[in-house]
Amino acid sequence: MTDPELRAQSFEIAWKYLDQSGLLTGEHKASARFILNRIDRMMLRGERRRLLLSNAAIDAYRLRPLVVTLNA
């Protein structure tokens, strides 16, 4: 599997989970950018496990409102 395929599949898993669980909030473009950023950073460090990439993106997205609140 190529890196673009891995990235796309990891994103799709994370997006579907967050969407179906009702956790996607705000503008979808910003949410997509946030999820892809997390996946990209992990891939740059060498991670290639699709489920780990998607689960880490989900966890980071779930914590995002808390982080934003604490920094406000």
C-alpha atoms as a PDB file:
ATOM      1  CA  MET A   1       0.000   0.000   0.000  1.00  0.00           C
ATOM      2  CA  THR A   2       1.334   3.426  -0.911  1.00  0.00           C
ATOM      3  CA  ASP A   3       1.528   6.300   1.556  1.00  0.00           C
ATOM      4  CA  PRO A   4      -1.319   8.228  -0.138  1.00  0.00           C
ATOM      5  CA  GLU A   5      -3.522   5.120   0.052  1.00  0.00           C
ATOM      6  CA  LEU A   6      -2.631   4.576   3.707  1.00  0.00           C
ATOM      7  CA  ARG A   7      -3.352   8.219   4.476  1.00  0.00           C
ATOM      8  CA  ALA A   8      -6.696   8.112   2.683  1.00  0.00           C
ATOM      9  CA  GLN A   9      -7.797   4.863   4.322  1.00  0.00           C
ATOM     10  CA  SER A  10      -6.772   6.037   7.791  1.00  0.00           C
ATOM     11  CA  PHE A  11      -8.641   9.300   7.265  1.00  0.00           C
ATOM     12  CA  GLU A  12     -11.743   7.490   6.015  1.00  0.00           C
ATOM     13  CA  ILE A  13     -11.847   5.224   9.064  1.00  0.00           C
ATOM     14  CA  ALA A  14     -11.470   8.150  11.453  1.00  0.00           C
ATOM     15  CA  TRP A  15     -13.967  10.338   9.598  1.00  0.00           C
ATOM     16  CA  LYS A  16     -16.654   7.648   9.387  1.00  0.00           C
ATOM     17  CA  TYR A  17     -16.322   6.833  13.071  1.00  0.00           C
ATOM     18  CA  LEU A  18     -16.493  10.455  14.176  1.00  0.00           C
ATOM     19  CA  ASP A  19     -19.369  11.206  11.813  1.00  0.00           C
ATOM     20  CA  GLN A  20     -21.447   8.173  12.784  1.00  0.00           C
ATOM     21  CA  SER A  21     -20.859   8.748  16.485  1.00  0.00           C
ATOM     22  CA  GLY A  22     -21.975  12.381  16.206  1.00  0.00           C
ATOM     23  CA  LEU A  23     -18.617  13.716  17.407  1.00  0.00           C
ATOM     24  CA  LEU A  24     -17.857  15.818  14.318  1.00  0.00           C
ATOM     25  CA  THR A  25     -18.421  19.438  15.241  1.00  0.00           C
ATOM     26  CA  GLY A  26     -17.833  22.762  13.559  1.00  0.00           C
ATOM     27  CA  GLU A  27     -16.830  23.211   9.964  1.00  0.00           C
ATOM     28  CA  HIS A  28     -16.057  19.933   8.211  1.00  0.00           C
ATOM     29  CA  LYS A  29     -13.124  21.414   6.309  1.00  0.00           C
ATOM     30  CA  ALA A  30     -11.374  22.383   9.546  1.00  0.00           C
ATOM     31  CA  SER A  31     -12.164  19.002  11.086  1.00  0.00           C
ATOM     32  CA  ALA A  32     -10.748  17.184   8.057  1.00  0.00           C
ATOM     33  CA  ARG A  33      -7.616  19.317   8.190  1.00  0.00           C
ATOM     34  CA  PHE A  34      -7.167  18.517  11.894  1.00  0.00           C
ATOM     35  CA  ILE A  35      -7.550  14.756  11.352  1.00  0.00           C
ATOM     36  CA  LEU A  36      -5.200  14.707   8.353  1.00  0.00           C
ATOM     37  CA  ASN A  37      -2.630  16.765  10.242  1.00  0.00           C
ATOM     38  CA  ARG A  38      -2.533  14.175  13.021  1.00  0.00           C
ATOM     39  CA  ILE A  39      -2.231  11.301  10.533  1.00  0.00           C
ATOM     40  CA  ASP A  40       0.477  13.113   8.570  1.00  0.00           C
ATOM     41  CA  ARG A  41       2.571  13.834  11.665  1.00  0.00           C
ATOM     42  CA  MET A  42       2.495  10.189  12.693  1.00  0.00           C
ATOM     43  CA  MET A  43       3.362   9.026   9.186  1.00  0.00           C
ATOM     44  CA  LEU A  44       6.329  11.403   9.118  1.00  0.00           C
ATOM     45  CA  ARG A  45       7.594   9.647  12.249  1.00  0.00           C
ATOM     46  CA  GLY A  46       7.341   6.317  10.416  1.00  0.00           C
ATOM     47  CA  GLU A  47       4.003   4.929  11.576  1.00  0.00           C
ATOM     48  CA  ARG A  48       2.369   2.733   8.934  1.00  0.00           C
ATOM     49  CA  ARG A  49      -0.327   0.860  10.871  1.00  0.00           C
ATOM     50  CA  ARG A  50      -3.639   2.027   9.482  1.00  0.00           C
ATOM     51  CA  LEU A  51      -5.750   1.431  12.581  1.00  0.00           C
ATOM     52  CA  LEU A  52      -3.215   3.049  14.865  1.00  0.00           C
ATOM     53  CA  LEU A  53      -3.183   6.112  12.617  1.00  0.00           C
ATOM     54  CA  SER A  54      -6.971   6.360  12.523  1.00  0.00           C
ATOM     55  CA  ASN A  55      -7.433   5.680  16.246  1.00  0.00           C
ATOM     56  CA  ALA A  56      -4.828   8.267  17.204  1.00  0.00           C
ATOM     57  CA  ALA A  57      -6.582  10.821  14.979  1.00  0.00           C
ATOM     58  CA  ILE A  58      -9.921   9.975  16.611  1.00  0.00           C
ATOM     59  CA  ASP A  59      -8.460  10.340  20.097  1.00  0.00           C
ATOM     60  CA  ALA A  60      -6.797  13.644  19.224  1.00  0.00           C
ATOM     61  CA  TYR A  61     -10.045  14.954  17.755  1.00  0.00           C
ATOM     62  CA  ARG A  62     -12.001  13.919  20.850  1.00  0.00           C
ATOM     63  CA  LEU A  63      -9.543  15.795  23.059  1.00  0.00           C
ATOM     64  CA  ARG A  64      -9.498  18.856  20.805  1.00  0.00           C
ATOM     65  CA  PRO A  65     -12.359  20.734  22.537  1.00  0.00           C
ATOM     66  CA  LEU A  66     -10.686  20.177  25.913  1.00  0.00           C
ATOM     67  CA  VAL A  67      -7.354  21.492  24.636  1.00  0.00           C
ATOM     68  CA  VAL A  68      -9.011  24.528  23.044  1.00  0.00           C
ATOM     69  CA  THR A  69     -10.913  25.241  26.268  1.00  0.00           C
ATOM     70  CA  LEU A  70      -7.804  24.997  28.425  1.00  0.00           C
ATOM     71  CA  ASN A  71      -5.823  27.328  26.160  1.00  0.00           C
ATOM     72  CA  ALA A  72      -8.576  29.924  25.882  1.00  0.00           C
END
